Amino acid sequence: LSATDLDEGINSDIIYLFSRRVAAQVKEMFTIDENKGEIRLQGKLDYEETDSYEITIEARDKGTPPLS
């Protein structure tokens, strides 16, 4: 994933997080590197069990308060 923020300083630093709406099952199957935005599989996928996953990601800056 890639997002940009045109602010300066920590207000331009972005972290990536699973949205609060993401199902617990998805969080068990995938991880996200909060700094790089890389999503990785941490289990085995079984199409017969689940044919798709919906993953909503939030890009948030490090400002005070943080903005998404």
Protein backbone atom coordinates (compact mmCIF):
# COMPACT_ATOMS: atom_id res chain seq x y z
CA LEU A 1 0.00 0.00 0.00
CA SER A 2 1.10 3.55 -0.52
CA ALA A 3 -0.31 6.81 0.78
CA THR A 4 1.10 10.32 0.90
CA ASP A 5 0.49 13.30 3.14
CA LEU A 6 1.69 16.74 2.03
CA ASP A 7 2.00 18.05 5.61
CA GLU A 8 5.40 18.57 7.26
CA GLY A 9 7.13 16.77 10.13
CA ILE A 10 5.35 13.96 11.94
CA ASN A 11 2.09 15.12 10.37
CA SER A 12 3.43 13.69 7.09
CA ASP A 13 4.51 10.33 8.57
CA ILE A 14 1.95 7.65 7.79
CA ILE A 15 1.13 4.33 9.46
CA TYR A 16 -1.16 1.65 8.06
CA LEU A 17 -3.69 -0.22 10.18
CA PHE A 18 -6.55 -2.64 9.69
CA SER A 19 -9.82 -0.74 9.91
CA ARG A 20 -11.99 -1.42 12.95
CA ARG A 21 -14.51 -2.98 10.55
CA VAL A 22 -12.10 -5.76 9.55
CA ALA A 23 -13.28 -9.16 10.78
CA ALA A 24 -11.25 -10.99 13.42
CA GLN A 25 -10.83 -13.88 10.95
CA VAL A 26 -9.02 -11.54 8.54
CA LYS A 27 -6.73 -10.28 11.30
CA GLU A 28 -5.84 -13.90 12.10
CA MET A 29 -5.04 -14.68 8.44
CA PHE A 30 -3.15 -11.50 7.50
CA THR A 31 -0.72 -9.05 9.05
CA ILE A 32 0.15 -5.53 8.00
CA ASP A 33 3.51 -3.79 8.42
CA GLU A 34 2.33 -0.50 9.87
CA ASN A 35 5.29 1.44 8.44
CA LYS A 36 5.59 -0.08 4.95
CA GLY A 37 1.94 -0.95 4.31
CA GLU A 38 2.83 -4.51 3.30
CA ILE A 39 0.05 -7.03 3.82
CA ARG A 40 1.24 -10.59 4.42
CA LEU A 41 -0.47 -13.92 4.69
CA GLN A 42 0.23 -15.78 7.93
CA GLY A 43 -1.85 -18.88 7.34
CA LYS A 44 -3.05 -21.09 4.53
CA LEU A 45 -5.92 -20.03 2.32
CA ASP A 46 -8.66 -22.55 1.60
CA TYR A 47 -10.96 -21.42 -1.21
CA GLU A 48 -13.55 -24.01 -0.27
CA GLU A 49 -13.75 -22.56 3.24
CA THR A 50 -13.60 -18.86 2.31
CA ASP A 51 -13.60 -17.68 -1.29
CA SER A 52 -12.71 -14.03 -0.61
CA TYR A 53 -11.58 -11.63 2.10
CA GLU A 54 -12.46 -7.97 2.43
CA ILE A 55 -9.62 -5.99 3.96
CA THR A 56 -10.17 -2.31 4.72
CA ILE A 57 -6.99 -0.42 5.59
CA GLU A 58 -6.66 2.93 7.31
CA ALA A 59 -3.73 5.23 6.54
CA ARG A 60 -3.19 7.54 9.52
CA ASP A 61 -0.66 10.29 10.09
CA LYS A 62 1.31 10.65 13.31
CA GLY A 63 -0.01 14.14 14.11
CA THR A 64 -1.81 15.18 17.26
CA PRO A 65 -4.57 14.27 16.88
CA PRO A 66 -3.85 11.69 14.17
CA LEU A 67 -5.86 12.08 10.97
CA SER A 68 -6.93 9.27 8.65
